[in-house]
Amino acid sequence: MENSVDKKLMVSELDDAKRVAFYKNTYAHVAGGVLVFILFEYLLLQSEAVIEFTLSMLDGYKWLIMLGGFMFITNYAEKMTLKSPDIKTQYLAYGLYILAEAFIFVPLLYLAIFYTDGSFEMLKQAAIVTLSLFTGLSAIVFITKKDFSFLKSALTIGFFIALGLIIGGSLFGFTMGLWFSVAMCVLAGGSILYQTSNLVHKYSEDQYVPAALGLFASLMLLFWYVIQIFMSRD
């Protein structure tokens, strides 16, 4: 009896009204994550110490240490949002992840602003392209109602290959170039399709925070490499 009462319904099992409410809640948290990211990024970029530290971590093995720390926080945040029944813990983990994203973005955004003579025009263009792609890819899932869970294996392999190339580039000093950024945008696009599909097939009604974290992570990955592509033009 208790198991039947306590069993959580998956989003795919909900009626239309509850399913739409879940989608709205999830995307509201993604939008909130973007706003918090902007706030964190603004505050971090006001600190010369933070800028100097992050710029000093771009060389060789130091970048791998920074990337390793980011991946550790990402893994921790994902586990906390999925496994903890406490909504406050989920929000704390989501906030920690957003802060980690803001921190690792500091050197990229600083260099993007620096090399455009303090102009934010390039970042605005990159943001518009990123949000347009994110919206379009999300719409594909909702319009076609296709299950993109089959992308999981390809994405896993793709991310491991990308990680290997990043590690190799950091240790041996070669740059990835434009085509690597383009390939990573394709990979990020696949991740958006997969994470959007997961809204229906993976999460229960009360798991809008981990759902939002997954979408936010894919969005920020796409934003990172769209910026890289824009910077490669100059």
Foldseek 3Di string as FASTA:
>chain_A
DVCVVPDFDFLLPDPPVLNVVLVVLLVVVLVVLVVLLVVLLVVQLVDPVLQVVLVVQPAFVSVVVLVVVLVVLLVVLLCQLPPPPDVVSNVVSSSSNSNSLSSNCNNVVVVLCVVVVNDCVLLVVLLVVLVVLLVVLLVVCVVVVDQLQVCVVVLVVVVVVLVVVVNVCRHVVDDDDLVSLVVQLVSLSSQSNNLSSCSRVPGGSPSSSSSSSSNSVSSSSNSSSSSVNSVNVD
